[in-house]
Amino acid sequence: MNCFKSIASQEQTIQKSRFIGYTFIGETKHDILRTLQSIAREHPHGSHLAFAYQLKTDHGFEPYYSDAGEPSGTAGKPLLQLIDVHQIVGGGIGVIRYYGGINLGTGGLTRAYGGTGKLALAHSVIEPYVEYIKLKLTINYNELDNYTHVIYSMNGSILDKVFDEKVSLSIRLPEGEFGKLKARFPTTEIHDY
C-alpha cells in the first residue's frame, strides 16, 4: 500500500468545461470531509465535486467514491480506479468541474474526470504506507529529553504531554518500531492510547 507524502492540484479544460484535480491526505472520514469542504469553499461556483478515497480502519481498507450528481460511475469511479491502481490509502482524489455548456457524454466525462485525477496524481509524491499506533507512556521528568529524541528518531511524534507527578506522553509511532521502543525502555509503563 502507498500514501501521499505531498499533495498537488492540476487543471485542464475539455470542451469549455474546466476540471481541477486535487490529491489530499486524511486518516479519518472526518479529515476527508473537512478537506472536501475546504475545496468546495475555494470553488463556490463549481458545478460538481466528484471524489474518491480509501481509509484504513479497524475493519480493513474502506474505499468510497461520489459522482457528485454526474451520471453514475462517470466521475468518482474513475478516481477510485486510480486509487486502486496506485494502492493509495489514507487519502484520495477530488475533481471540481465548472460546466462549460457542452455535454461530454458518459465516456467523455469518465475520461475527463479520470484524466484530471491522473494529472493531480502525477504531480503528487507517493511513498509506502506506514501503519501507526498510538500509545501512552508514563515517564520521569528527567527522561523527557531522551524519550523525545528516541521517539522522533523512530519517525514517531508526540501528540500530547501532561505534566503531573510524572510525565504522561501520548505518542504516535510506526507499528514496526514498537518492539524497539519496548526493548530500549523495558521498565516504562506503555499503554494503548
N, C-alpha and C. Protein backbone atom coordinates (compact mmCIF):
# COMPACT_ATOMS: atom_id res chain seq x y z
N MET A 1 0.84 -1.17 0.00
CA MET A 1 0.00 0.00 0.00
C MET A 1 0.89 1.25 0.00
N ASN A 2 0.32 2.35 -0.47
CA ASN A 2 1.03 3.62 -0.56
C ASN A 2 0.18 4.74 0.03
N CYS A 3 0.81 5.88 0.25
CA CYS A 3 0.08 7.07 0.69
C CYS A 3 0.74 8.30 0.06
N PHE A 4 0.06 9.42 0.16
CA PHE A 4 0.63 10.66 -0.36
C PHE A 4 1.58 11.26 0.66
N LYS A 5 2.77 11.60 0.21
CA LYS A 5 3.70 12.35 1.05
C LYS A 5 3.46 13.84 0.84
N SER A 6 3.17 14.21 -0.38
CA SER A 6 2.79 15.59 -0.67
C SER A 6 1.61 15.57 -1.63
N ILE A 7 0.83 16.61 -1.60
CA ILE A 7 -0.38 16.68 -2.41
C ILE A 7 -0.19 17.69 -3.53
N ALA A 8 -1.12 17.67 -4.49
CA ALA A 8 -0.99 18.56 -5.64
C ALA A 8 -2.37 18.90 -6.20
N SER A 9 -2.39 19.90 -7.04
CA SER A 9 -3.59 20.19 -7.81
C SER A 9 -3.16 20.52 -9.23
N GLN A 10 -3.97 20.09 -10.18
CA GLN A 10 -3.72 20.33 -11.60
C GLN A 10 -5.06 20.58 -12.27
N GLU A 11 -5.03 21.30 -13.37
CA GLU A 11 -6.29 21.54 -14.07
C GLU A 11 -6.13 21.43 -15.56
N GLN A 12 -7.27 21.20 -16.20
CA GLN A 12 -7.33 21.17 -17.66
C GLN A 12 -8.73 21.60 -18.10
N THR A 13 -8.82 22.07 -19.33
CA THR A 13 -10.10 22.45 -19.91
C THR A 13 -10.42 21.48 -21.04
N ILE A 14 -11.64 20.94 -20.99
CA ILE A 14 -12.08 19.99 -22.01
C ILE A 14 -13.43 20.47 -22.51
N GLN A 15 -13.49 20.84 -23.77
CA GLN A 15 -14.71 21.33 -24.42
C GLN A 15 -15.43 22.36 -23.55
N LYS A 16 -14.69 23.38 -23.15
CA LYS A 16 -15.18 24.53 -22.40
C LYS A 16 -15.50 24.24 -20.93
N SER A 17 -15.41 23.00 -20.50
CA SER A 17 -15.56 22.70 -19.08
C SER A 17 -14.18 22.69 -18.44
N ARG A 18 -14.09 23.33 -17.29
CA ARG A 18 -12.82 23.41 -16.57
C ARG A 18 -12.84 22.34 -15.47
N PHE A 19 -11.80 21.51 -15.43
CA PHE A 19 -11.65 20.45 -14.44
C PHE A 19 -10.39 20.72 -13.62
N ILE A 20 -10.54 20.71 -12.30
CA ILE A 20 -9.41 20.95 -11.40
C ILE A 20 -9.31 19.75 -10.46
N GLY A 21 -8.18 19.06 -10.55
CA GLY A 21 -7.97 17.86 -9.74
C GLY A 21 -7.09 18.14 -8.54
N TYR A 22 -7.43 17.50 -7.43
CA TYR A 22 -6.69 17.63 -6.18
C TYR A 22 -6.40 16.24 -5.62
N THR A 23 -5.22 16.08 -5.05
CA THR A 23 -4.97 14.93 -4.20
C THR A 23 -4.99 15.44 -2.76
N PHE A 24 -5.38 14.59 -1.84
CA PHE A 24 -5.47 15.03 -0.45
C PHE A 24 -5.17 13.87 0.49
N ILE A 25 -4.83 14.24 1.73
CA ILE A 25 -4.45 13.28 2.77
C ILE A 25 -5.49 13.34 3.88
N GLY A 26 -5.80 12.19 4.46
CA GLY A 26 -6.71 12.15 5.59
C GLY A 26 -6.70 10.77 6.23
N GLU A 27 -6.64 10.74 7.55
CA GLU A 27 -6.63 9.46 8.27
C GLU A 27 -8.03 8.98 8.63
N THR A 28 -8.98 9.93 8.72
CA THR A 28 -10.35 9.58 9.11
C THR A 28 -11.33 10.18 8.12
N LYS A 29 -12.56 9.68 8.18
CA LYS A 29 -13.62 10.23 7.34
C LYS A 29 -13.82 11.72 7.64
N HIS A 30 -13.70 12.08 8.90
CA HIS A 30 -13.83 13.49 9.31
C HIS A 30 -12.75 14.35 8.63
N ASP A 31 -11.50 13.86 8.61
CA ASP A 31 -10.40 14.58 7.93
C ASP A 31 -10.74 14.78 6.46
N ILE A 32 -11.21 13.72 5.82
CA ILE A 32 -11.52 13.77 4.40
C ILE A 32 -12.63 14.77 4.13
N LEU A 33 -13.70 14.70 4.90
CA LEU A 33 -14.84 15.60 4.68
C LEU A 33 -14.45 17.05 4.92
N ARG A 34 -13.60 17.29 5.91
CA ARG A 34 -13.14 18.66 6.16
C ARG A 34 -12.34 19.18 4.96
N THR A 35 -11.48 18.34 4.39
CA THR A 35 -10.70 18.74 3.22
C THR A 35 -11.60 19.00 2.03
N LEU A 36 -12.59 18.12 1.80
CA LEU A 36 -13.51 18.32 0.68
C LEU A 36 -14.33 19.59 0.85
N GLN A 37 -14.74 19.90 2.08
CA GLN A 37 -15.47 21.15 2.33
C GLN A 37 -14.59 22.36 2.03
N SER A 38 -13.32 22.26 2.37
CA SER A 38 -12.38 23.34 2.08
C SER A 38 -12.22 23.55 0.57
N ILE A 39 -12.12 22.46 -0.18
CA ILE A 39 -12.03 22.55 -1.64
C ILE A 39 -13.30 23.17 -2.20
N ALA A 40 -14.45 22.75 -1.70
CA ALA A 40 -15.73 23.29 -2.17
C ALA A 40 -15.83 24.79 -1.88
N ARG A 41 -15.33 25.22 -0.72
CA ARG A 41 -15.36 26.66 -0.38
C ARG A 41 -14.47 27.46 -1.32
N GLU A 42 -13.37 26.86 -1.77
CA GLU A 42 -12.48 27.55 -2.72
C GLU A 42 -13.14 27.73 -4.09
N HIS A 43 -14.13 26.88 -4.38
CA HIS A 43 -14.78 26.88 -5.70
C HIS A 43 -16.31 26.94 -5.55
N PRO A 44 -16.82 28.04 -5.01
CA PRO A 44 -18.27 28.11 -4.74
C PRO A 44 -19.12 28.04 -6.01
N HIS A 45 -18.54 28.32 -7.16
CA HIS A 45 -19.31 28.29 -8.40
C HIS A 45 -19.06 27.04 -9.24
N GLY A 46 -18.31 26.10 -8.67
CA GLY A 46 -18.09 24.83 -9.37
C GLY A 46 -19.39 24.05 -9.48
N SER A 47 -19.56 23.34 -10.57
CA SER A 47 -20.79 22.58 -10.80
C SER A 47 -20.82 21.27 -10.02
N HIS A 48 -19.67 20.60 -9.91
CA HIS A 48 -19.59 19.28 -9.27
C HIS A 48 -18.26 19.15 -8.56
N LEU A 49 -18.24 18.40 -7.46
CA LEU A 49 -17.00 18.00 -6.80
C LEU A 49 -17.08 16.49 -6.60
N ALA A 50 -16.56 15.77 -7.59
CA ALA A 50 -16.50 14.31 -7.51
C ALA A 50 -15.23 13.93 -6.76
N PHE A 51 -15.27 12.81 -6.04
CA PHE A 51 -14.10 12.41 -5.28
C PHE A 51 -14.11 10.91 -5.01
N ALA A 52 -12.93 10.44 -4.59
CA ALA A 52 -12.77 9.06 -4.15
C ALA A 52 -11.64 9.04 -3.13
N TYR A 53 -11.77 8.14 -2.17
CA TYR A 53 -10.71 8.00 -1.18
C TYR A 53 -10.73 6.58 -0.62
N GLN A 54 -9.66 6.24 0.10
CA GLN A 54 -9.58 4.95 0.76
C GLN A 54 -8.92 5.14 2.13
N LEU A 55 -9.54 4.59 3.16
CA LEU A 55 -9.03 4.70 4.51
C LEU A 55 -8.72 3.32 5.08
N LYS A 56 -7.81 3.29 6.02
CA LYS A 56 -7.53 2.07 6.79
C LYS A 56 -8.30 2.21 8.08
N THR A 57 -9.17 1.24 8.36
CA THR A 57 -9.96 1.25 9.59
C THR A 57 -9.73 -0.07 10.33
N ASP A 58 -10.39 -0.21 11.45
CA ASP A 58 -10.30 -1.46 12.20
C ASP A 58 -10.88 -2.63 11.41
N HIS A 59 -11.70 -2.34 10.41
CA HIS A 59 -12.35 -3.38 9.60
C HIS A 59 -11.60 -3.65 8.29
N GLY A 60 -10.45 -3.03 8.11
CA GLY A 60 -9.68 -3.21 6.87
C GLY A 60 -9.66 -1.92 6.06
N PHE A 61 -9.46 -2.06 4.77
CA PHE A 61 -9.40 -0.91 3.89
C PHE A 61 -10.81 -0.60 3.38
N GLU A 62 -11.22 0.66 3.51
CA GLU A 62 -12.56 1.06 3.11
C GLU A 62 -12.50 2.12 2.03
N PRO A 63 -12.83 1.74 0.78
CA PRO A 63 -12.87 2.72 -0.30
C PRO A 63 -14.25 3.37 -0.37
N TYR A 64 -14.29 4.58 -0.93
CA TYR A 64 -15.56 5.28 -1.11
C TYR A 64 -15.40 6.25 -2.27
N TYR A 65 -16.49 6.42 -3.03
CA TYR A 65 -16.46 7.45 -4.07
C TYR A 65 -17.83 8.08 -4.22
N SER A 66 -17.82 9.30 -4.80
CA SER A 66 -19.06 10.02 -5.08
C SER A 66 -18.97 10.63 -6.47
N ASP A 67 -20.03 10.43 -7.26
CA ASP A 67 -20.10 11.04 -8.59
C ASP A 67 -20.61 12.48 -8.53
N ALA A 68 -21.07 12.91 -7.37
CA ALA A 68 -21.48 14.31 -7.14
C ALA A 68 -22.51 14.81 -8.15
N GLY A 69 -23.48 13.97 -8.50
CA GLY A 69 -24.53 14.40 -9.40
C GLY A 69 -24.26 14.13 -10.87
N GLU A 70 -23.06 13.73 -11.22
CA GLU A 70 -22.78 13.33 -12.61
C GLU A 70 -23.40 11.95 -12.82
N PRO A 71 -23.59 11.52 -14.07
CA PRO A 71 -24.15 10.19 -14.31
C PRO A 71 -23.35 9.10 -13.59
N SER A 72 -24.05 8.12 -13.09
CA SER A 72 -23.47 7.07 -12.25
C SER A 72 -22.21 6.45 -12.86
N GLY A 73 -21.14 6.43 -12.07
CA GLY A 73 -19.90 5.78 -12.48
C GLY A 73 -19.00 6.60 -13.38
N THR A 74 -19.37 7.85 -13.69
CA THR A 74 -18.59 8.63 -14.65
C THR A 74 -17.58 9.58 -14.02
N ALA A 75 -17.68 9.82 -12.72
CA ALA A 75 -16.81 10.83 -12.10
C ALA A 75 -16.00 10.24 -10.95
N GLY A 76 -16.67 9.79 -9.90
CA GLY A 76 -15.96 9.25 -8.74
C GLY A 76 -15.33 7.90 -9.00
N LYS A 77 -16.00 7.09 -9.80
CA LYS A 77 -15.48 5.73 -10.04
C LYS A 77 -14.13 5.73 -10.76
N PRO A 78 -13.92 6.56 -11.81
CA PRO A 78 -12.57 6.57 -12.40
C PRO A 78 -11.50 7.07 -11.43
N LEU A 79 -11.89 7.92 -10.49
CA LEU A 79 -10.93 8.38 -9.48
C LEU A 79 -10.59 7.25 -8.52
N LEU A 80 -11.60 6.46 -8.15
CA LEU A 80 -11.35 5.31 -7.28
C LEU A 80 -10.47 4.28 -7.99
N GLN A 81 -10.63 4.13 -9.29
CA GLN A 81 -9.77 3.20 -10.03
C GLN A 81 -8.31 3.64 -9.97
N LEU A 82 -8.07 4.96 -10.01
CA LEU A 82 -6.69 5.46 -9.87
C LEU A 82 -6.13 5.13 -8.49
N ILE A 83 -6.97 5.29 -7.47
CA ILE A 83 -6.55 4.96 -6.11
C ILE A 83 -6.22 3.48 -6.00
N ASP A 84 -7.05 2.64 -6.63
CA ASP A 84 -6.80 1.19 -6.62
C ASP A 84 -5.50 0.84 -7.32
N VAL A 85 -5.28 1.41 -8.49
CA VAL A 85 -4.08 1.10 -9.28
C VAL A 85 -2.81 1.49 -8.52
N HIS A 86 -2.86 2.65 -7.87
CA HIS A 86 -1.68 3.13 -7.14
C HIS A 86 -1.67 2.70 -5.68
N GLN A 87 -2.70 1.93 -5.28
CA GLN A 87 -2.81 1.39 -3.92
C GLN A 87 -2.67 2.48 -2.86
N ILE A 88 -3.43 3.56 -3.03
CA ILE A 88 -3.40 4.70 -2.11
C ILE A 88 -4.32 4.41 -0.93
N VAL A 89 -3.83 4.69 0.26
CA VAL A 89 -4.64 4.60 1.48
C VAL A 89 -4.33 5.84 2.32
N GLY A 90 -5.33 6.30 3.07
CA GLY A 90 -5.14 7.49 3.89
C GLY A 90 -5.18 8.77 3.08
N GLY A 91 -5.97 8.76 2.03
CA GLY A 91 -6.09 9.95 1.19
C GLY A 91 -6.96 9.67 -0.01
N GLY A 92 -7.02 10.65 -0.91
CA GLY A 92 -7.86 10.47 -2.07
C GLY A 92 -7.64 11.53 -3.14
N ILE A 93 -8.57 11.55 -4.07
CA ILE A 93 -8.52 12.46 -5.22
C ILE A 93 -9.89 13.09 -5.37
N GLY A 94 -9.91 14.39 -5.58
CA GLY A 94 -11.15 15.11 -5.85
C GLY A 94 -11.00 15.92 -7.12
N VAL A 95 -12.09 16.07 -7.88
CA VAL A 95 -12.07 16.87 -9.09
C VAL A 95 -13.28 17.80 -9.10
N ILE A 96 -13.00 19.10 -9.21
CA ILE A 96 -14.04 20.13 -9.36
C ILE A 96 -14.29 20.31 -10.85
N ARG A 97 -15.56 20.41 -11.23
CA ARG A 97 -15.89 20.71 -12.63
C ARG A 97 -16.69 22.00 -12.68
N TYR A 98 -16.25 22.90 -13.55
CA TYR A 98 -17.01 24.08 -13.92
C TYR A 98 -17.62 23.77 -15.28
N TYR A 99 -18.92 23.60 -15.33
CA TYR A 99 -19.61 23.21 -16.56
C TYR A 99 -19.48 24.33 -17.60
N GLY A 100 -19.08 23.92 -18.81
CA GLY A 100 -18.84 24.89 -19.87
C GLY A 100 -19.93 24.96 -20.92
N GLY A 101 -21.05 24.27 -20.72
CA GLY A 101 -22.17 24.36 -21.65
C GLY A 101 -22.23 23.26 -22.69
N ILE A 102 -21.22 22.42 -22.75
CA ILE A 102 -21.22 21.32 -23.73
C ILE A 102 -21.26 20.00 -22.97
N ASN A 103 -22.25 19.16 -23.29
CA ASN A 103 -22.34 17.84 -22.67
C ASN A 103 -21.25 16.94 -23.24
N LEU A 104 -20.55 16.24 -22.36
CA LEU A 104 -19.43 15.41 -22.78
C LEU A 104 -19.81 13.95 -23.00
N GLY A 105 -20.99 13.55 -22.57
CA GLY A 105 -21.38 12.14 -22.66
C GLY A 105 -20.69 11.34 -21.58
N THR A 106 -21.17 10.13 -21.36
CA THR A 106 -20.61 9.33 -20.27
C THR A 106 -19.14 8.98 -20.48
N GLY A 107 -18.76 8.62 -21.70
CA GLY A 107 -17.36 8.30 -21.99
C GLY A 107 -16.47 9.52 -21.83
N GLY A 108 -16.95 10.66 -22.30
CA GLY A 108 -16.18 11.90 -22.19
C GLY A 108 -16.00 12.32 -20.73
N LEU A 109 -17.06 12.17 -19.94
CA LEU A 109 -16.96 12.51 -18.52
C LEU A 109 -15.97 11.60 -17.80
N THR A 110 -16.06 10.30 -18.09
CA THR A 110 -15.15 9.34 -17.47
C THR A 110 -13.70 9.68 -17.79
N ARG A 111 -13.43 9.99 -19.06
CA ARG A 111 -12.06 10.36 -19.46
C ARG A 111 -11.63 11.68 -18.83
N ALA A 112 -12.54 12.65 -18.76
CA ALA A 112 -12.20 13.96 -18.20
C ALA A 112 -11.89 13.88 -16.71
N TYR A 113 -12.76 13.22 -15.95
CA TYR A 113 -12.52 13.11 -14.52
C TYR A 113 -11.29 12.24 -14.23
N GLY A 114 -11.21 11.09 -14.89
CA GLY A 114 -10.06 10.21 -14.70
C GLY A 114 -8.76 10.87 -15.13
N GLY A 115 -8.78 11.56 -16.26
CA GLY A 115 -7.57 12.23 -16.75
C GLY A 115 -7.12 13.36 -15.85
N THR A 116 -8.07 14.12 -15.31
CA THR A 116 -7.71 15.22 -14.41
C THR A 116 -7.17 14.66 -13.10
N GLY A 117 -7.80 13.61 -12.59
CA GLY A 117 -7.28 12.96 -11.38
C GLY A 117 -5.88 12.42 -11.60
N LYS A 118 -5.65 11.87 -12.78
CA LYS A 118 -4.33 11.32 -13.11
C LYS A 118 -3.27 12.42 -13.15
N LEU A 119 -3.63 13.60 -13.67
CA LEU A 119 -2.70 14.74 -13.69
C LEU A 119 -2.30 15.14 -12.26
N ALA A 120 -3.30 15.26 -11.38
CA ALA A 120 -3.00 15.63 -10.00
C ALA A 120 -2.15 14.56 -9.33
N LEU A 121 -2.47 13.32 -9.58
CA LEU A 121 -1.72 12.20 -9.01
C LEU A 121 -0.27 12.22 -9.47
N ALA A 122 -0.05 12.54 -10.74
CA ALA A 122 1.30 12.57 -11.29
C ALA A 122 2.16 13.65 -10.66
N HIS A 123 1.54 14.70 -10.13
CA HIS A 123 2.29 15.79 -9.50
C HIS A 123 2.38 15.64 -7.98
N SER A 124 1.87 14.56 -7.45
CA SER A 124 1.95 14.28 -6.02
C SER A 124 3.14 13.36 -5.75
N VAL A 125 3.63 13.40 -4.54
CA VAL A 125 4.69 12.48 -4.13
C VAL A 125 4.03 11.34 -3.36
N ILE A 126 4.30 10.12 -3.79
CA ILE A 126 3.72 8.91 -3.17
C ILE A 126 4.85 8.14 -2.49
N GLU A 127 4.56 7.64 -1.29
CA GLU A 127 5.53 6.84 -0.55
C GLU A 127 4.83 5.62 0.02
N PRO A 128 5.59 4.62 0.47
CA PRO A 128 4.96 3.44 1.07
C PRO A 128 4.15 3.83 2.32
N TYR A 129 3.01 3.19 2.46
CA TYR A 129 2.13 3.43 3.61
C TYR A 129 2.71 2.79 4.86
N VAL A 130 2.71 3.53 5.95
CA VAL A 130 3.21 3.03 7.23
C VAL A 130 2.04 3.01 8.21
N GLU A 131 1.83 1.88 8.84
CA GLU A 131 0.79 1.75 9.85
C GLU A 131 1.31 2.32 11.17
N TYR A 132 0.55 3.22 11.77
CA TYR A 132 0.93 3.84 13.03
C TYR A 132 0.06 3.33 14.17
N ILE A 133 0.63 3.34 15.36
CA ILE A 133 -0.13 3.03 16.56
C ILE A 133 -0.01 4.23 17.50
N LYS A 134 -0.99 4.37 18.37
CA LYS A 134 -0.96 5.44 19.37
C LYS A 134 -0.79 4.80 20.74
N LEU A 135 0.13 5.37 21.51
CA LEU A 135 0.47 4.82 22.82
C LEU A 135 0.55 5.93 23.86
N LYS A 136 0.42 5.53 25.12
CA LYS A 136 0.64 6.45 26.25
C LYS A 136 1.80 5.90 27.07
N LEU A 137 2.73 6.79 27.40
CA LEU A 137 3.89 6.43 28.20
C LEU A 137 3.87 7.26 29.48
N THR A 138 4.28 6.67 30.57
CA THR A 138 4.45 7.41 31.83
C THR A 138 5.92 7.36 32.18
N ILE A 139 6.54 8.56 32.25
CA ILE A 139 7.99 8.64 32.45
C ILE A 139 8.31 9.68 33.52
N ASN A 140 9.55 9.68 33.96
CA ASN A 140 10.04 10.69 34.91
C ASN A 140 10.42 11.95 34.13
N TYR A 141 10.39 13.08 34.83
CA TYR A 141 10.72 14.36 34.19
C TYR A 141 12.11 14.35 33.56
N ASN A 142 13.08 13.78 34.26
CA ASN A 142 14.46 13.82 33.77
C ASN A 142 14.66 12.92 32.53
N GLU A 143 13.67 12.12 32.16
CA GLU A 143 13.78 11.23 30.99
C GLU A 143 13.16 11.84 29.73
N LEU A 144 12.49 12.96 29.87
CA LEU A 144 11.72 13.53 28.76
C LEU A 144 12.56 13.79 27.52
N ASP A 145 13.71 14.43 27.68
CA ASP A 145 14.55 14.73 26.50
C ASP A 145 14.99 13.46 25.79
N ASN A 146 15.40 12.45 26.54
CA ASN A 146 15.85 11.19 25.95
C ASN A 146 14.71 10.51 25.18
N TYR A 147 13.52 10.44 25.79
CA TYR A 147 12.37 9.84 25.12
C TYR A 147 11.99 10.61 23.86
N THR A 148 12.00 11.93 23.97
CA THR A 148 11.65 12.76 22.81
C THR A 148 12.58 12.46 21.65
N HIS A 149 13.87 12.41 21.92
CA HIS A 149 14.86 12.12 20.88
C HIS A 149 14.60 10.75 20.24
N VAL A 150 14.40 9.73 21.07
CA VAL A 150 14.19 8.37 20.57
C VAL A 150 12.90 8.28 19.75
N ILE A 151 11.82 8.86 20.23
CA ILE A 151 10.54 8.81 19.52
C ILE A 151 10.67 9.44 18.14
N TYR A 152 11.29 10.62 18.07
CA TYR A 152 11.45 11.28 16.77
C TYR A 152 12.42 10.53 15.86
N SER A 153 13.44 9.89 16.45
CA SER A 153 14.37 9.12 15.62
C SER A 153 13.71 7.88 15.01
N MET A 154 12.58 7.44 15.60
CA MET A 154 11.83 6.29 15.08
C MET A 154 10.68 6.76 14.16
N ASN A 155 10.75 8.00 13.72
CA ASN A 155 9.71 8.60 12.86
C ASN A 155 8.36 8.67 13.56
N GLY A 156 8.40 8.77 14.87
CA GLY A 156 7.18 8.95 15.65
C GLY A 156 6.94 10.42 15.93
N SER A 157 5.85 10.70 16.63
CA SER A 157 5.55 12.06 17.02
C SER A 157 4.90 12.06 18.40
N ILE A 158 5.04 13.18 19.09
CA ILE A 158 4.41 13.35 20.40
C ILE A 158 3.12 14.13 20.18
N LEU A 159 2.00 13.51 20.54
CA LEU A 159 0.69 14.12 20.34
C LEU A 159 0.28 15.01 21.50
N ASP A 160 0.70 14.62 22.72
CA ASP A 160 0.30 15.38 23.90
C ASP A 160 1.25 15.07 25.05
N LYS A 161 1.44 16.07 25.93
CA LYS A 161 2.23 15.90 27.15
C LYS A 161 1.40 16.39 28.32
N VAL A 162 1.34 15.60 29.37
CA VAL A 162 0.65 16.01 30.59
C VAL A 162 1.66 15.90 31.73
N PHE A 163 1.88 17.03 32.41
CA PHE A 163 2.84 17.08 33.50
C PHE A 163 2.11 17.00 34.83
N ASP A 164 2.38 15.93 35.56
CA ASP A 164 1.79 15.71 36.88
C ASP A 164 2.93 15.24 37.78
N GLU A 165 2.71 14.25 38.62
CA GLU A 165 3.81 13.70 39.40
C GLU A 165 4.88 13.13 38.47
N LYS A 166 4.41 12.57 37.36
CA LYS A 166 5.28 12.10 36.28
C LYS A 166 4.77 12.74 35.00
N VAL A 167 5.46 12.47 33.90
CA VAL A 167 5.05 13.00 32.60
C VAL A 167 4.32 11.89 31.86
N SER A 168 3.11 12.21 31.37
CA SER A 168 2.37 11.28 30.53
C SER A 168 2.50 11.77 29.09
N LEU A 169 3.03 10.92 28.24
CA LEU A 169 3.18 11.25 26.82
C LEU A 169 2.19 10.43 26.01
N SER A 170 1.48 11.09 25.13
CA SER A 170 0.68 10.40 24.12
C SER A 170 1.48 10.49 22.84
N ILE A 171 1.79 9.34 22.25
CA ILE A 171 2.66 9.34 21.07
C ILE A 171 2.03 8.57 19.92
N ARG A 172 2.54 8.86 18.75
CA ARG A 172 2.18 8.14 17.52
C ARG A 172 3.48 7.57 16.98
N LEU A 173 3.49 6.25 16.73
CA LEU A 173 4.73 5.57 16.38
C LEU A 173 4.46 4.56 15.26
N PRO A 174 5.36 4.44 14.28
CA PRO A 174 5.18 3.37 13.30
C PRO A 174 5.09 2.02 14.02
N GLU A 175 4.12 1.22 13.62
CA GLU A 175 3.86 -0.04 14.31
C GLU A 175 5.10 -0.91 14.43
N GLY A 176 5.92 -0.92 13.40
CA GLY A 176 7.13 -1.74 13.39
C GLY A 176 8.19 -1.29 14.39
N GLU A 177 8.05 -0.08 14.94
CA GLU A 177 9.03 0.44 15.89
C GLU A 177 8.66 0.14 17.34
N PHE A 178 7.46 -0.39 17.59
CA PHE A 178 7.02 -0.63 18.96
C PHE A 178 7.97 -1.55 19.72
N GLY A 179 8.38 -2.65 19.10
CA GLY A 179 9.29 -3.59 19.76
C GLY A 179 10.61 -2.94 20.12
N LYS A 180 11.11 -2.07 19.25
CA LYS A 180 12.38 -1.37 19.52
C LYS A 180 12.23 -0.42 20.70
N LEU A 181 11.07 0.26 20.76
CA LEU A 181 10.83 1.18 21.87
C LEU A 181 10.76 0.41 23.19
N LYS A 182 10.05 -0.70 23.18
CA LYS A 182 9.90 -1.53 24.38
C LYS A 182 11.26 -2.09 24.82
N ALA A 183 12.08 -2.50 23.85
CA ALA A 183 13.41 -3.03 24.18
C ALA A 183 14.33 -1.93 24.72
N ARG A 184 14.19 -0.74 24.18
CA ARG A 184 15.04 0.38 24.59
C ARG A 184 14.70 0.84 26.01
N PHE A 185 13.40 0.80 26.35
CA PHE A 185 12.93 1.25 27.67
C PHE A 185 12.07 0.17 28.31
N PRO A 186 12.67 -0.93 28.75
CA PRO A 186 11.90 -2.09 29.22
C PRO A 186 11.07 -1.84 30.48
N THR A 187 11.42 -0.86 31.31
CA THR A 187 10.68 -0.63 32.55
C THR A 187 9.61 0.45 32.43
N THR A 188 9.45 1.01 31.26
CA THR A 188 8.48 2.10 31.06
C THR A 188 7.06 1.55 30.99
N GLU A 189 6.14 2.28 31.62
CA GLU A 189 4.72 1.93 31.50
C GLU A 189 4.23 2.38 30.13
N ILE A 190 3.79 1.43 29.30
CA ILE A 190 3.28 1.73 27.97
C ILE A 190 1.87 1.15 27.87
N HIS A 191 0.92 1.99 27.47
CA HIS A 191 -0.46 1.58 27.34
C HIS A 191 -0.99 1.97 25.96
N ASP A 192 -2.03 1.29 25.52
CA ASP A 192 -2.71 1.70 24.29
C ASP A 192 -3.37 3.05 24.52
N TYR A 193 -3.39 3.85 23.49
CA TYR A 193 -3.95 5.22 23.55
C TYR A 193 -5.44 5.18 23.58
